[in-house]
Amino acid sequence: MTKQYLFFLALVSMFFFNCSDRPRDFKLPYFGRSQVVEKVVDGKVQYDTIPHTIGAYSFYNQDSVSITNETFDGKIYVADFFFTSCPTICPVMKKQMLRVYEQFEDNDRVFILSHTIDPEYDNVQILKVFAEALDVSAPKWNFVTGDKEEIYTIGEKSYMVTAGEDEEAPGGYIHSGAFILIDGKRRVRGVYDGTDADQVNILLSDIEWLLKEI
């Protein structure tokens, strides 16, 4: 079991509580390694905590449209990692992500970003066929492809999930089943098991909660 997966499980465990018990001023937490910045104000040293943010990226979606970190400025999005020929958890994940798509289809502040970890096969045309089979479309749900190493790096360094090649894994690739909730400032605000309907219920509720912040 990888360290990333253990970390993921630890994050997920934090969300098993009744959302109705939250106080009105509750805010979703920030995930990742924060930075502490020193500054001097009126001659006194103060420290600001800067939350972890998603790094810069540039991919293409199923419509050959460029998708960058600027695409979702001021917006909420849910990210995940998959590949179209995945023989294990991906079908379950996509079924659960469809719930996110359907609930927020008419909300122009919520989007979905699914990264293929097999870009050599999953080109724009393949992703288009895959999206059409699910009966979903961009810009609401973006299936993106691009440079393999960039995808793996953004997955592990920014989204803090496993994403990469593994000869021993079914299909030749290994990836997390996490759904990652990102706010309008590229900060990670939640991590959920995308194969678990109860976890996705919490995600749906947390998206509604986060919409109140932006």
N, C-alpha and C. Protein backbone atom coordinates (compact mmCIF):
# COMPACT_ATOMS: atom_id res chain seq x y z
N MET A 1 0.86 -1.20 0.00
CA MET A 1 0.00 0.00 0.00
C MET A 1 0.89 1.25 0.00
N THR A 2 0.66 2.17 -0.93
CA THR A 2 1.53 3.32 -1.07
C THR A 2 1.29 4.35 0.02
N LYS A 3 2.32 5.20 0.23
CA LYS A 3 2.18 6.28 1.20
C LYS A 3 1.07 7.23 0.77
N GLN A 4 0.96 7.45 -0.57
CA GLN A 4 -0.08 8.36 -1.06
C GLN A 4 -1.46 7.83 -0.71
N TYR A 5 -1.62 6.50 -0.83
CA TYR A 5 -2.93 5.92 -0.54
C TYR A 5 -3.26 5.99 0.93
N LEU A 6 -2.25 5.76 1.77
CA LEU A 6 -2.46 5.90 3.21
C LEU A 6 -2.85 7.33 3.57
N PHE A 7 -2.18 8.29 2.92
CA PHE A 7 -2.50 9.70 3.14
C PHE A 7 -3.92 9.99 2.70
N PHE A 8 -4.30 9.43 1.57
CA PHE A 8 -5.65 9.61 1.06
C PHE A 8 -6.69 9.08 2.04
N LEU A 9 -6.44 7.89 2.57
CA LEU A 9 -7.38 7.32 3.53
C LEU A 9 -7.52 8.19 4.77
N ALA A 10 -6.41 8.77 5.20
CA ALA A 10 -6.46 9.65 6.36
C ALA A 10 -7.31 10.88 6.09
N LEU A 11 -7.20 11.40 4.88
CA LEU A 11 -8.00 12.57 4.53
C LEU A 11 -9.48 12.22 4.46
N VAL A 12 -9.77 11.09 3.83
CA VAL A 12 -11.16 10.70 3.68
C VAL A 12 -11.84 10.52 5.03
N SER A 13 -11.11 9.96 5.98
CA SER A 13 -11.72 9.66 7.28
C SER A 13 -12.22 10.91 7.99
N MET A 14 -11.70 12.07 7.61
CA MET A 14 -12.10 13.31 8.26
C MET A 14 -13.50 13.74 7.89
N PHE A 15 -14.09 13.14 6.85
CA PHE A 15 -15.36 13.63 6.34
C PHE A 15 -16.56 12.79 6.75
N PHE A 16 -16.36 11.81 7.62
CA PHE A 16 -17.48 11.00 8.05
C PHE A 16 -18.19 11.66 9.23
N PHE A 17 -18.92 12.72 8.94
CA PHE A 17 -19.72 13.36 9.98
C PHE A 17 -20.95 13.95 9.32
N ASN A 18 -21.94 14.26 10.11
CA ASN A 18 -23.19 14.80 9.61
C ASN A 18 -23.03 16.27 9.28
N CYS A 19 -23.18 16.60 7.99
CA CYS A 19 -22.98 17.98 7.55
C CYS A 19 -23.98 18.94 8.21
N SER A 20 -25.12 18.41 8.62
CA SER A 20 -26.12 19.28 9.24
C SER A 20 -25.68 19.75 10.62
N ASP A 21 -24.65 19.12 11.19
CA ASP A 21 -24.15 19.51 12.50
C ASP A 21 -23.15 20.66 12.44
N ARG A 22 -22.82 21.11 11.26
CA ARG A 22 -21.84 22.18 11.13
C ARG A 22 -22.41 23.52 11.59
N PRO A 23 -21.61 24.32 12.26
CA PRO A 23 -22.05 25.68 12.59
C PRO A 23 -22.15 26.53 11.33
N ARG A 24 -22.87 27.61 11.42
CA ARG A 24 -23.09 28.44 10.23
C ARG A 24 -21.81 29.03 9.67
N ASP A 25 -20.84 29.28 10.54
CA ASP A 25 -19.60 29.89 10.09
C ASP A 25 -18.53 28.84 9.73
N PHE A 26 -18.94 27.58 9.63
CA PHE A 26 -18.00 26.51 9.28
C PHE A 26 -17.45 26.73 7.88
N LYS A 27 -16.14 26.45 7.73
CA LYS A 27 -15.51 26.47 6.41
C LYS A 27 -14.80 25.14 6.18
N LEU A 28 -14.87 24.66 4.96
CA LEU A 28 -14.15 23.44 4.64
C LEU A 28 -12.66 23.66 4.85
N PRO A 29 -11.95 22.64 5.30
CA PRO A 29 -10.51 22.79 5.57
C PRO A 29 -9.70 22.90 4.28
N TYR A 30 -8.44 23.24 4.44
CA TYR A 30 -7.48 23.27 3.33
C TYR A 30 -6.56 22.07 3.48
N PHE A 31 -6.31 21.40 2.36
CA PHE A 31 -5.46 20.22 2.38
C PHE A 31 -4.13 20.49 1.70
N GLY A 32 -3.12 19.74 2.12
CA GLY A 32 -1.80 19.88 1.51
C GLY A 32 -0.84 20.60 2.43
N ARG A 33 0.38 20.73 1.96
CA ARG A 33 1.43 21.35 2.76
C ARG A 33 1.39 22.87 2.59
N SER A 34 1.00 23.56 3.64
CA SER A 34 0.91 25.02 3.59
C SER A 34 2.29 25.64 3.74
N GLN A 35 2.43 26.88 3.28
CA GLN A 35 3.66 27.64 3.44
C GLN A 35 3.45 28.74 4.46
N VAL A 36 4.43 28.94 5.31
CA VAL A 36 4.38 30.03 6.29
C VAL A 36 5.30 31.14 5.80
N VAL A 37 4.73 32.32 5.61
CA VAL A 37 5.47 33.46 5.06
C VAL A 37 5.64 34.52 6.14
N GLU A 38 6.87 34.97 6.30
CA GLU A 38 7.16 36.00 7.30
C GLU A 38 7.05 37.38 6.68
N LYS A 39 6.45 38.33 7.41
CA LYS A 39 6.38 39.70 6.94
C LYS A 39 6.47 40.63 8.14
N VAL A 40 6.84 41.87 7.87
CA VAL A 40 6.97 42.87 8.93
C VAL A 40 5.89 43.93 8.74
N VAL A 41 5.07 44.12 9.77
CA VAL A 41 4.00 45.10 9.75
C VAL A 41 4.16 46.01 10.96
N ASP A 42 4.33 47.32 10.69
CA ASP A 42 4.53 48.30 11.77
C ASP A 42 5.67 47.89 12.70
N GLY A 43 6.73 47.38 12.08
CA GLY A 43 7.91 47.02 12.84
C GLY A 43 7.82 45.70 13.58
N LYS A 44 6.72 45.01 13.43
CA LYS A 44 6.54 43.73 14.11
C LYS A 44 6.49 42.59 13.09
N VAL A 45 7.10 41.48 13.44
CA VAL A 45 7.12 40.32 12.56
C VAL A 45 5.80 39.56 12.70
N GLN A 46 5.18 39.29 11.55
CA GLN A 46 3.97 38.51 11.53
C GLN A 46 4.14 37.35 10.56
N TYR A 47 3.29 36.35 10.72
CA TYR A 47 3.39 35.17 9.87
C TYR A 47 2.04 34.88 9.23
N ASP A 48 2.07 34.71 7.92
CA ASP A 48 0.87 34.32 7.19
C ASP A 48 1.00 32.88 6.72
N THR A 49 -0.09 32.13 6.81
CA THR A 49 -0.10 30.76 6.32
C THR A 49 -0.74 30.74 4.94
N ILE A 50 0.00 30.28 3.95
CA ILE A 50 -0.47 30.22 2.58
C ILE A 50 -0.83 28.78 2.25
N PRO A 51 -2.11 28.48 1.98
CA PRO A 51 -2.51 27.10 1.71
C PRO A 51 -1.86 26.55 0.44
N HIS A 52 -1.72 25.24 0.40
CA HIS A 52 -1.26 24.53 -0.80
C HIS A 52 -2.20 24.85 -1.96
N THR A 53 -1.64 25.06 -3.15
CA THR A 53 -2.45 25.31 -4.34
C THR A 53 -2.04 24.39 -5.48
N ILE A 54 -2.96 24.19 -6.41
CA ILE A 54 -2.69 23.37 -7.59
C ILE A 54 -1.74 24.13 -8.51
N GLY A 55 -0.69 23.46 -8.97
CA GLY A 55 0.28 24.10 -9.85
C GLY A 55 -0.28 24.37 -11.24
N ALA A 56 0.51 25.08 -12.02
CA ALA A 56 0.10 25.41 -13.39
C ALA A 56 0.07 24.16 -14.25
N TYR A 57 -0.88 24.11 -15.18
CA TYR A 57 -0.98 22.97 -16.09
C TYR A 57 -1.57 23.44 -17.42
N SER A 58 -1.40 22.62 -18.43
CA SER A 58 -1.95 22.91 -19.76
C SER A 58 -2.25 21.59 -20.46
N PHE A 59 -3.54 21.33 -20.69
CA PHE A 59 -3.98 20.09 -21.33
C PHE A 59 -5.00 20.42 -22.42
N TYR A 60 -5.47 19.39 -23.12
CA TYR A 60 -6.53 19.55 -24.11
C TYR A 60 -7.69 18.63 -23.76
N ASN A 61 -8.91 19.17 -23.88
CA ASN A 61 -10.07 18.35 -23.55
C ASN A 61 -10.60 17.62 -24.78
N GLN A 62 -11.72 16.95 -24.62
CA GLN A 62 -12.28 16.11 -25.68
C GLN A 62 -12.73 16.91 -26.90
N ASP A 63 -12.82 18.22 -26.76
CA ASP A 63 -13.17 19.09 -27.89
C ASP A 63 -11.96 19.81 -28.46
N SER A 64 -10.77 19.37 -28.07
CA SER A 64 -9.50 19.98 -28.51
C SER A 64 -9.35 21.42 -28.00
N VAL A 65 -10.04 21.73 -26.92
CA VAL A 65 -9.95 23.06 -26.31
C VAL A 65 -8.87 23.03 -25.22
N SER A 66 -8.04 24.05 -25.21
CA SER A 66 -6.99 24.15 -24.21
C SER A 66 -7.59 24.38 -22.83
N ILE A 67 -7.17 23.57 -21.87
CA ILE A 67 -7.61 23.69 -20.48
C ILE A 67 -6.39 23.99 -19.62
N THR A 68 -6.40 25.11 -18.95
CA THR A 68 -5.28 25.49 -18.08
C THR A 68 -5.82 25.81 -16.69
N ASN A 69 -4.90 26.12 -15.77
CA ASN A 69 -5.33 26.50 -14.43
C ASN A 69 -6.17 27.76 -14.43
N GLU A 70 -6.03 28.58 -15.47
CA GLU A 70 -6.82 29.81 -15.56
C GLU A 70 -8.27 29.54 -15.98
N THR A 71 -8.52 28.37 -16.57
CA THR A 71 -9.87 28.02 -17.02
C THR A 71 -10.86 28.07 -15.88
N PHE A 72 -10.41 27.70 -14.69
CA PHE A 72 -11.32 27.59 -13.55
C PHE A 72 -11.12 28.68 -12.51
N ASP A 73 -10.52 29.80 -12.91
CA ASP A 73 -10.37 30.92 -11.97
C ASP A 73 -11.74 31.33 -11.42
N GLY A 74 -11.84 31.37 -10.11
CA GLY A 74 -13.09 31.77 -9.49
C GLY A 74 -14.18 30.71 -9.53
N LYS A 75 -13.84 29.52 -10.01
CA LYS A 75 -14.82 28.44 -10.14
C LYS A 75 -14.45 27.28 -9.21
N ILE A 76 -15.41 26.42 -8.96
CA ILE A 76 -15.18 25.19 -8.22
C ILE A 76 -15.07 24.06 -9.23
N TYR A 77 -14.14 23.13 -9.00
CA TYR A 77 -14.13 21.95 -9.85
C TYR A 77 -13.74 20.72 -9.05
N VAL A 78 -14.17 19.57 -9.57
CA VAL A 78 -13.84 18.27 -8.98
C VAL A 78 -12.90 17.57 -9.95
N ALA A 79 -11.73 17.16 -9.47
CA ALA A 79 -10.73 16.51 -10.31
C ALA A 79 -10.63 15.03 -9.97
N ASP A 80 -10.30 14.23 -11.00
CA ASP A 80 -9.96 12.84 -10.77
C ASP A 80 -9.01 12.36 -11.86
N PHE A 81 -8.54 11.11 -11.72
CA PHE A 81 -7.60 10.51 -12.67
C PHE A 81 -8.13 9.14 -13.07
N PHE A 82 -8.01 8.81 -14.36
CA PHE A 82 -8.60 7.59 -14.90
C PHE A 82 -7.90 7.23 -16.21
N PHE A 83 -8.32 6.16 -16.85
CA PHE A 83 -7.98 5.90 -18.25
C PHE A 83 -9.11 5.10 -18.87
N THR A 84 -9.36 5.31 -20.15
CA THR A 84 -10.58 4.80 -20.78
C THR A 84 -10.63 3.28 -20.84
N SER A 85 -9.48 2.63 -20.84
CA SER A 85 -9.46 1.17 -20.90
C SER A 85 -9.32 0.53 -19.53
N CYS A 86 -9.51 1.29 -18.49
CA CYS A 86 -9.37 0.81 -17.11
C CYS A 86 -10.32 -0.35 -16.83
N PRO A 87 -9.79 -1.48 -16.37
CA PRO A 87 -10.64 -2.65 -16.12
C PRO A 87 -11.12 -2.77 -14.67
N THR A 88 -10.79 -1.81 -13.84
CA THR A 88 -11.09 -1.95 -12.41
C THR A 88 -12.06 -0.87 -11.91
N ILE A 89 -11.54 0.18 -11.27
CA ILE A 89 -12.41 1.11 -10.54
C ILE A 89 -13.00 2.23 -11.39
N CYS A 90 -12.46 2.47 -12.58
CA CYS A 90 -12.90 3.63 -13.36
C CYS A 90 -14.40 3.62 -13.70
N PRO A 91 -14.97 2.49 -14.12
CA PRO A 91 -16.42 2.51 -14.39
C PRO A 91 -17.25 2.93 -13.19
N VAL A 92 -16.86 2.47 -12.00
CA VAL A 92 -17.58 2.86 -10.79
C VAL A 92 -17.40 4.35 -10.52
N MET A 93 -16.16 4.84 -10.70
CA MET A 93 -15.88 6.26 -10.49
C MET A 93 -16.71 7.12 -11.43
N LYS A 94 -16.79 6.73 -12.68
CA LYS A 94 -17.53 7.54 -13.65
C LYS A 94 -19.02 7.54 -13.34
N LYS A 95 -19.53 6.40 -12.86
CA LYS A 95 -20.93 6.35 -12.45
C LYS A 95 -21.19 7.33 -11.32
N GLN A 96 -20.27 7.40 -10.36
CA GLN A 96 -20.43 8.33 -9.25
C GLN A 96 -20.22 9.78 -9.68
N MET A 97 -19.27 10.01 -10.59
CA MET A 97 -19.04 11.38 -11.06
C MET A 97 -20.23 11.89 -11.87
N LEU A 98 -20.95 10.98 -12.50
CA LEU A 98 -22.17 11.38 -13.21
C LEU A 98 -23.17 12.05 -12.26
N ARG A 99 -23.16 11.64 -11.01
CA ARG A 99 -24.03 12.26 -10.02
C ARG A 99 -23.66 13.72 -9.82
N VAL A 100 -22.36 14.00 -9.80
CA VAL A 100 -21.90 15.39 -9.68
C VAL A 100 -22.33 16.18 -10.91
N TYR A 101 -22.11 15.60 -12.07
CA TYR A 101 -22.47 16.25 -13.34
C TYR A 101 -23.96 16.59 -13.37
N GLU A 102 -24.79 15.62 -13.02
CA GLU A 102 -26.23 15.83 -13.12
C GLU A 102 -26.74 16.83 -12.09
N GLN A 103 -26.17 16.82 -10.89
CA GLN A 103 -26.64 17.74 -9.86
C GLN A 103 -26.26 19.19 -10.16
N PHE A 104 -25.10 19.39 -10.81
CA PHE A 104 -24.62 20.76 -11.03
C PHE A 104 -24.53 21.12 -12.51
N GLU A 105 -25.25 20.38 -13.33
CA GLU A 105 -25.20 20.61 -14.78
C GLU A 105 -25.58 22.03 -15.16
N ASP A 106 -26.49 22.62 -14.44
CA ASP A 106 -26.96 23.97 -14.77
C ASP A 106 -26.30 25.06 -13.93
N ASN A 107 -25.31 24.68 -13.15
CA ASN A 107 -24.60 25.66 -12.32
C ASN A 107 -23.29 26.03 -13.01
N ASP A 108 -23.17 27.28 -13.41
CA ASP A 108 -21.99 27.70 -14.18
C ASP A 108 -20.77 27.99 -13.30
N ARG A 109 -20.84 27.60 -12.01
CA ARG A 109 -19.69 27.78 -11.12
C ARG A 109 -19.04 26.46 -10.72
N VAL A 110 -19.57 25.35 -11.23
CA VAL A 110 -19.07 24.02 -10.86
C VAL A 110 -18.70 23.23 -12.11
N PHE A 111 -17.49 22.65 -12.11
CA PHE A 111 -16.99 21.91 -13.27
C PHE A 111 -16.33 20.61 -12.83
N ILE A 112 -16.03 19.76 -13.80
CA ILE A 112 -15.35 18.49 -13.55
C ILE A 112 -14.13 18.40 -14.47
N LEU A 113 -13.02 17.92 -13.92
CA LEU A 113 -11.78 17.80 -14.69
C LEU A 113 -11.22 16.40 -14.48
N SER A 114 -11.33 15.54 -15.50
CA SER A 114 -10.86 14.17 -15.44
C SER A 114 -9.61 14.02 -16.30
N HIS A 115 -8.51 13.62 -15.68
CA HIS A 115 -7.21 13.49 -16.36
C HIS A 115 -6.97 12.03 -16.75
N THR A 116 -6.69 11.76 -18.02
CA THR A 116 -6.28 10.42 -18.38
C THR A 116 -4.83 10.20 -17.96
N ILE A 117 -4.53 9.00 -17.47
CA ILE A 117 -3.14 8.67 -17.14
C ILE A 117 -2.53 7.78 -18.24
N ASP A 118 -3.28 7.61 -19.33
CA ASP A 118 -2.79 6.87 -20.49
C ASP A 118 -2.91 7.74 -21.73
N PRO A 119 -2.19 8.88 -21.77
CA PRO A 119 -2.36 9.82 -22.88
C PRO A 119 -1.88 9.29 -24.21
N GLU A 120 -1.03 8.27 -24.21
CA GLU A 120 -0.57 7.71 -25.48
C GLU A 120 -1.71 7.05 -26.25
N TYR A 121 -2.66 6.49 -25.53
CA TYR A 121 -3.85 5.91 -26.16
C TYR A 121 -5.03 6.87 -26.13
N ASP A 122 -5.23 7.50 -24.98
CA ASP A 122 -6.39 8.37 -24.79
C ASP A 122 -6.14 9.74 -25.41
N ASN A 123 -6.20 9.81 -26.73
CA ASN A 123 -6.07 11.10 -27.41
C ASN A 123 -7.41 11.82 -27.38
N VAL A 124 -7.46 12.96 -28.01
CA VAL A 124 -8.67 13.78 -28.00
C VAL A 124 -9.86 13.02 -28.59
N GLN A 125 -9.63 12.29 -29.67
CA GLN A 125 -10.72 11.57 -30.33
C GLN A 125 -11.28 10.47 -29.44
N ILE A 126 -10.38 9.74 -28.77
CA ILE A 126 -10.84 8.68 -27.86
C ILE A 126 -11.64 9.27 -26.71
N LEU A 127 -11.16 10.38 -26.16
CA LEU A 127 -11.86 11.02 -25.05
C LEU A 127 -13.23 11.54 -25.48
N LYS A 128 -13.33 11.99 -26.72
CA LYS A 128 -14.61 12.47 -27.24
C LYS A 128 -15.62 11.34 -27.28
N VAL A 129 -15.19 10.19 -27.79
CA VAL A 129 -16.07 9.02 -27.85
C VAL A 129 -16.48 8.58 -26.44
N PHE A 130 -15.52 8.63 -25.53
CA PHE A 130 -15.79 8.24 -24.14
C PHE A 130 -16.82 9.16 -23.52
N ALA A 131 -16.68 10.46 -23.72
CA ALA A 131 -17.63 11.42 -23.16
C ALA A 131 -19.02 11.24 -23.77
N GLU A 132 -19.07 10.99 -25.06
CA GLU A 132 -20.36 10.79 -25.72
C GLU A 132 -21.05 9.53 -25.21
N ALA A 133 -20.26 8.50 -24.91
CA ALA A 133 -20.84 7.26 -24.38
C ALA A 133 -21.47 7.50 -23.01
N LEU A 134 -20.92 8.44 -22.25
CA LEU A 134 -21.49 8.79 -20.96
C LEU A 134 -22.62 9.81 -21.08
N ASP A 135 -22.78 10.34 -22.30
CA ASP A 135 -23.78 11.38 -22.56
C ASP A 135 -23.52 12.64 -21.75
N VAL A 136 -22.24 13.03 -21.72
CA VAL A 136 -21.84 14.27 -21.04
C VAL A 136 -21.03 15.12 -22.01
N SER A 137 -20.84 16.37 -21.66
CA SER A 137 -20.14 17.26 -22.59
C SER A 137 -19.34 18.33 -21.85
N ALA A 138 -18.38 18.88 -22.57
CA ALA A 138 -17.64 20.05 -22.09
C ALA A 138 -18.46 21.28 -22.44
N PRO A 139 -18.28 22.39 -21.72
CA PRO A 139 -17.22 22.62 -20.73
C PRO A 139 -17.55 22.15 -19.31
N LYS A 140 -18.72 21.57 -19.09
CA LYS A 140 -19.06 21.14 -17.74
C LYS A 140 -18.13 20.02 -17.27
N TRP A 141 -17.95 19.01 -18.11
CA TRP A 141 -17.09 17.88 -17.74
C TRP A 141 -15.98 17.77 -18.78
N ASN A 142 -14.77 18.06 -18.37
CA ASN A 142 -13.62 18.06 -19.26
C ASN A 142 -12.78 16.80 -19.05
N PHE A 143 -12.64 16.00 -20.10
CA PHE A 143 -11.72 14.87 -20.10
C PHE A 143 -10.46 15.35 -20.80
N VAL A 144 -9.34 15.36 -20.10
CA VAL A 144 -8.15 15.99 -20.67
C VAL A 144 -7.00 15.01 -20.85
N THR A 145 -6.20 15.32 -21.88
CA THR A 145 -5.00 14.56 -22.18
C THR A 145 -3.86 15.54 -22.42
N GLY A 146 -2.66 15.03 -22.42
CA GLY A 146 -1.50 15.90 -22.61
C GLY A 146 -0.21 15.14 -22.39
N ASP A 147 0.81 15.85 -22.00
CA ASP A 147 2.11 15.25 -21.75
C ASP A 147 2.02 14.29 -20.54
N LYS A 148 2.50 13.08 -20.74
CA LYS A 148 2.38 12.05 -19.71
C LYS A 148 3.03 12.46 -18.39
N GLU A 149 4.24 12.96 -18.46
CA GLU A 149 4.95 13.31 -17.23
C GLU A 149 4.29 14.49 -16.53
N GLU A 150 3.74 15.40 -17.31
CA GLU A 150 3.04 16.54 -16.70
C GLU A 150 1.80 16.06 -15.94
N ILE A 151 1.09 15.10 -16.52
CA ILE A 151 -0.09 14.56 -15.86
C ILE A 151 0.29 13.85 -14.56
N TYR A 152 1.33 13.02 -14.62
CA TYR A 152 1.75 12.29 -13.43
C TYR A 152 2.24 13.24 -12.34
N THR A 153 2.98 14.27 -12.76
CA THR A 153 3.51 15.21 -11.78
C THR A 153 2.40 16.02 -11.12
N ILE A 154 1.45 16.51 -11.92
CA ILE A 154 0.37 17.31 -11.35
C ILE A 154 -0.48 16.45 -10.41
N GLY A 155 -0.62 15.16 -10.74
CA GLY A 155 -1.38 14.27 -9.88
C GLY A 155 -0.74 14.08 -8.53
N GLU A 156 0.56 13.78 -8.54
CA GLU A 156 1.24 13.46 -7.29
C GLU A 156 1.65 14.69 -6.49
N LYS A 157 2.09 15.74 -7.17
CA LYS A 157 2.58 16.92 -6.47
C LYS A 157 1.48 17.91 -6.09
N SER A 158 0.50 18.08 -6.96
CA SER A 158 -0.54 19.08 -6.70
C SER A 158 -1.80 18.47 -6.09
N TYR A 159 -2.30 17.39 -6.71
CA TYR A 159 -3.53 16.78 -6.20
C TYR A 159 -3.27 15.75 -5.11
N MET A 160 -1.99 15.38 -4.94
CA MET A 160 -1.57 14.49 -3.85
C MET A 160 -2.18 13.10 -3.96
N VAL A 161 -2.29 12.58 -5.20
CA VAL A 161 -2.82 11.24 -5.42
C VAL A 161 -1.86 10.43 -6.29
N THR A 162 -2.03 9.13 -6.28
CA THR A 162 -1.22 8.25 -7.11
C THR A 162 -1.72 8.30 -8.55
N ALA A 163 -0.79 8.45 -9.48
CA ALA A 163 -1.15 8.46 -10.91
C ALA A 163 0.10 8.10 -11.70
N GLY A 164 0.10 6.93 -12.35
CA GLY A 164 1.28 6.56 -13.12
C GLY A 164 1.20 5.16 -13.67
N GLU A 165 2.28 4.74 -14.31
CA GLU A 165 2.38 3.41 -14.91
C GLU A 165 2.80 2.39 -13.86
N ASP A 166 2.27 1.18 -14.02
CA ASP A 166 2.64 0.09 -13.13
C ASP A 166 2.37 -1.22 -13.88
N GLU A 167 3.42 -1.90 -14.26
CA GLU A 167 3.27 -3.12 -15.05
C GLU A 167 2.49 -4.20 -14.33
N GLU A 168 2.50 -4.17 -13.01
CA GLU A 168 1.81 -5.20 -12.25
C GLU A 168 0.34 -4.88 -11.98
N ALA A 169 -0.07 -3.66 -12.28
CA ALA A 169 -1.45 -3.26 -12.04
C ALA A 169 -2.34 -3.67 -13.21
N PRO A 170 -3.61 -3.97 -12.97
CA PRO A 170 -4.53 -4.29 -14.07
C PRO A 170 -4.59 -3.14 -15.08
N GLY A 171 -4.36 -3.46 -16.34
CA GLY A 171 -4.37 -2.42 -17.36
C GLY A 171 -3.07 -1.69 -17.53
N GLY A 172 -2.11 -1.95 -16.62
CA GLY A 172 -0.78 -1.35 -16.75
C GLY A 172 -0.61 0.01 -16.10
N TYR A 173 -1.64 0.47 -15.42
CA TYR A 173 -1.58 1.79 -14.78
C TYR A 173 -2.17 1.71 -13.37
N ILE A 174 -1.68 2.58 -12.51
CA ILE A 174 -2.22 2.66 -11.15
C ILE A 174 -2.63 4.10 -10.87
N HIS A 175 -3.79 4.25 -10.24
CA HIS A 175 -4.26 5.60 -9.91
C HIS A 175 -5.19 5.55 -8.73
N SER A 176 -5.30 6.65 -8.08
CA SER A 176 -6.19 6.78 -6.95
C SER A 176 -7.64 6.84 -7.43
N GLY A 177 -8.54 6.42 -6.56
CA GLY A 177 -9.96 6.58 -6.85
C GLY A 177 -10.53 7.85 -6.25
N ALA A 178 -9.67 8.78 -5.91
CA ALA A 178 -10.10 10.00 -5.22
C ALA A 178 -10.79 10.99 -6.15
N PHE A 179 -11.80 11.65 -5.61
CA PHE A 179 -12.37 12.86 -6.19
C PHE A 179 -11.84 14.01 -5.34
N ILE A 180 -11.23 15.00 -5.97
CA ILE A 180 -10.59 16.10 -5.24
C ILE A 180 -11.36 17.39 -5.51
N LEU A 181 -11.80 18.04 -4.46
CA LEU A 181 -12.59 19.27 -4.57
C LEU A 181 -11.66 20.48 -4.50
N ILE A 182 -11.71 21.31 -5.55
CA ILE A 182 -10.83 22.47 -5.67
C ILE A 182 -11.67 23.74 -5.69
N ASP A 183 -11.24 24.74 -4.92
CA ASP A 183 -12.00 25.99 -4.88
C ASP A 183 -11.53 26.97 -5.95
N GLY A 184 -12.11 28.16 -5.95
CA GLY A 184 -11.83 29.15 -6.98
C GLY A 184 -10.44 29.74 -6.95
N LYS A 185 -9.67 29.43 -5.91
CA LYS A 185 -8.30 29.91 -5.81
C LYS A 185 -7.29 28.76 -5.89
N ARG A 186 -7.71 27.65 -6.48
CA ARG A 186 -6.86 26.48 -6.75
C ARG A 186 -6.41 25.78 -5.47
N ARG A 187 -7.21 25.88 -4.42
CA ARG A 187 -6.87 25.24 -3.14
C ARG A 187 -7.69 23.96 -2.97
N VAL A 188 -7.07 22.92 -2.41
CA VAL A 188 -7.75 21.65 -2.19
C VAL A 188 -8.61 21.76 -0.94
N ARG A 189 -9.92 21.52 -1.11
CA ARG A 189 -10.85 21.69 0.02
C ARG A 189 -11.52 20.39 0.44
N GLY A 190 -11.25 19.31 -0.27
CA GLY A 190 -11.83 18.03 0.12
C GLY A 190 -11.30 16.91 -0.74
N VAL A 191 -11.20 15.71 -0.15
CA VAL A 191 -10.78 14.51 -0.86
C VAL A 191 -11.74 13.39 -0.49
N TYR A 192 -12.28 12.69 -1.49
CA TYR A 192 -13.35 11.72 -1.27
C TYR A 192 -13.07 10.45 -2.07
N ASP A 193 -13.57 9.35 -1.59
CA ASP A 193 -13.45 8.08 -2.30
C ASP A 193 -14.50 8.04 -3.41
N GLY A 194 -14.05 8.14 -4.64
CA GLY A 194 -14.96 8.19 -5.78
C GLY A 194 -15.63 6.88 -6.12
N THR A 195 -15.32 5.82 -5.37
CA THR A 195 -15.98 4.54 -5.58
C THR A 195 -17.05 4.28 -4.52
N ASP A 196 -17.22 5.22 -3.62
CA ASP A 196 -18.12 5.05 -2.48
C ASP A 196 -19.26 6.07 -2.56
N ALA A 197 -20.47 5.58 -2.71
CA ALA A 197 -21.63 6.47 -2.87
C ALA A 197 -21.82 7.38 -1.67
N ASP A 198 -21.55 6.87 -0.47
CA ASP A 198 -21.70 7.70 0.72
C ASP A 198 -20.69 8.84 0.73
N GLN A 199 -19.47 8.56 0.30
CA GLN A 199 -18.46 9.62 0.21
C GLN A 199 -18.86 10.67 -0.83
N VAL A 200 -19.44 10.23 -1.92
CA VAL A 200 -19.87 11.17 -2.96
C VAL A 200 -21.06 11.99 -2.47
N ASN A 201 -21.89 11.40 -1.62
CA ASN A 201 -22.97 12.18 -0.99
C ASN A 201 -22.38 13.36 -0.22
N ILE A 202 -21.29 13.09 0.51
CA ILE A 202 -20.63 14.16 1.27
C ILE A 202 -20.04 15.19 0.32
N LEU A 203 -19.42 14.72 -0.77
CA LEU A 203 -18.88 15.64 -1.77
C LEU A 203 -19.96 16.58 -2.30
N LEU A 204 -21.11 16.03 -2.66
CA LEU A 204 -22.20 16.85 -3.19
C LEU A 204 -22.61 17.92 -2.18
N SER A 205 -22.68 17.52 -0.91
CA SER A 205 -23.03 18.47 0.13
C SER A 205 -21.93 19.52 0.30
N ASP A 206 -20.67 19.09 0.23
CA ASP A 206 -19.56 20.03 0.41
C ASP A 206 -19.47 21.03 -0.74
N ILE A 207 -19.82 20.61 -1.93
CA ILE A 207 -19.84 21.56 -3.06
C ILE A 207 -20.85 22.66 -2.78
N GLU A 208 -22.04 22.27 -2.31
CA GLU A 208 -23.05 23.27 -1.96
C GLU A 208 -22.52 24.21 -0.88
N TRP A 209 -21.83 23.65 0.09
CA TRP A 209 -21.28 24.46 1.16
C TRP A 209 -20.23 25.43 0.63
N LEU A 210 -19.35 24.92 -0.25
CA LEU A 210 -18.28 25.75 -0.80
C LEU A 210 -18.83 26.86 -1.69
N LEU A 211 -19.95 26.61 -2.35
CA LEU A 211 -20.55 27.64 -3.19
C LEU A 211 -20.94 28.87 -2.39
N LYS A 212 -21.18 28.68 -1.11
CA LYS A 212 -21.55 29.82 -0.25
C LYS A 212 -20.34 30.72 0.01
N GLU A 213 -19.13 30.16 -0.15
CA GLU A 213 -17.92 30.95 0.11
C GLU A 213 -17.56 31.86 -1.04
N ILE A 214 -17.84 31.41 -2.27
CA ILE A 214 -17.32 32.17 -3.42
C ILE A 214 -18.37 33.13 -3.97
